[in-house]
Amino acid sequence: MLKSSVKEVTSTDMTLNDGTVIPYGIAVWAAGIGPLPLTLDLIKNVAEQNLDSKARGRLVCDRCLRVHGC
C-alpha cells in the first residue's frame, strides 16, 4: 500500500495510520540499507536466485510475491 504507514502491529493484524486493519499470518518487516544474512543465504542456495547487479541482495519474486525457486 503506497503512502501508508504502520501505526501498530499485533500477533494477528497490523493497523495503518488511516485506521485500516490488515490481518496476516506471517509478517516480514524489511527496513535498513542492506540485505539480512538470511536473504543472502537464500539467494546463494536457491538456484533460481542470483546475485546479478540488478538484484543487489533482493529476492526475485513473481507478481504474487512468491519467491522464485521456493
Protein backbone atom coordinates (compact mmCIF):
# COMPACT_ATOMS: atom_id res chain seq x y z
CA MET A 1 0.00 0.00 0.00
CA LEU A 2 1.57 3.23 -1.13
CA LYS A 3 1.71 6.35 1.01
CA SER A 4 0.69 4.40 4.12
CA SER A 5 2.45 3.92 7.40
CA VAL A 6 2.03 1.30 10.09
CA LYS A 7 0.68 2.52 13.40
CA GLU A 8 0.53 -0.78 15.31
CA VAL A 9 1.38 -4.46 14.82
CA THR A 10 -0.15 -7.26 16.89
CA SER A 11 0.28 -11.02 16.59
CA THR A 12 -2.66 -11.26 14.14
CA ASP A 13 -3.01 -7.92 12.33
CA MET A 14 -1.50 -4.54 11.65
CA THR A 15 -3.18 -1.16 11.81
CA LEU A 16 -2.30 1.67 9.45
CA ASN A 17 -2.38 5.35 10.40
CA ASP A 18 -5.66 5.78 8.49
CA GLY A 19 -7.32 3.10 10.65
CA THR A 20 -7.21 0.30 8.06
CA VAL A 21 -6.69 -3.07 9.77
CA ILE A 22 -4.86 -5.76 7.79
CA PRO A 23 -4.95 -9.35 9.11
CA TYR A 24 -1.91 -11.52 8.40
CA GLY A 25 -0.41 -14.93 9.07
CA ILE A 26 3.27 -14.01 8.80
CA ALA A 27 4.70 -10.50 8.79
CA VAL A 28 8.13 -9.72 7.38
CA TRP A 29 9.37 -6.29 8.31
CA ALA A 30 12.06 -5.04 5.94
CA ALA A 31 13.99 -1.90 6.78
CA GLY A 32 17.55 -0.74 6.56
CA ILE A 33 20.17 -0.28 3.91
CA GLY A 34 21.38 -3.81 3.26
CA PRO A 35 20.12 -7.38 2.97
CA LEU A 36 19.97 -9.62 6.02
CA PRO A 37 22.17 -12.72 6.16
CA LEU A 38 19.01 -14.85 5.76
CA THR A 39 18.25 -13.16 2.44
CA LEU A 40 21.82 -13.58 1.21
CA ASP A 41 21.75 -17.28 2.20
CA LEU A 42 18.51 -17.79 0.24
CA ILE A 43 19.98 -16.09 -2.81
CA LYS A 44 23.14 -18.19 -2.55
CA ASN A 45 21.36 -21.53 -2.00
CA VAL A 46 18.33 -21.27 -4.33
CA ALA A 47 19.25 -21.94 -7.96
CA GLU A 48 16.61 -19.56 -9.40
CA GLN A 49 18.03 -16.62 -7.43
CA ASN A 50 21.21 -14.88 -8.49
CA LEU A 51 23.49 -12.05 -7.42
CA ASP A 52 23.45 -10.00 -10.61
CA SER A 53 23.87 -6.24 -10.44
CA LYS A 54 20.11 -5.60 -10.78
CA ALA A 55 19.05 -7.66 -7.73
CA ARG A 56 21.56 -6.12 -5.28
CA GLY A 57 20.74 -8.56 -2.49
CA ARG A 58 16.99 -8.70 -3.10
CA LEU A 59 14.95 -11.84 -3.63
CA VAL A 60 13.40 -12.30 -7.07
CA CYS A 61 9.61 -12.72 -6.72
CA ASP A 62 6.67 -13.06 -9.07
CA ARG A 63 3.76 -10.62 -9.12
CA CYS A 64 2.08 -12.56 -6.26
CA LEU A 65 5.26 -12.13 -4.16
CA ARG A 66 6.19 -15.81 -4.38
CA VAL A 67 9.96 -16.22 -4.19
CA HIS A 68 11.35 -17.87 -7.34
CA GLY A 69 12.67 -21.35 -6.57
CA CYS A 70 10.87 -21.78 -3.23
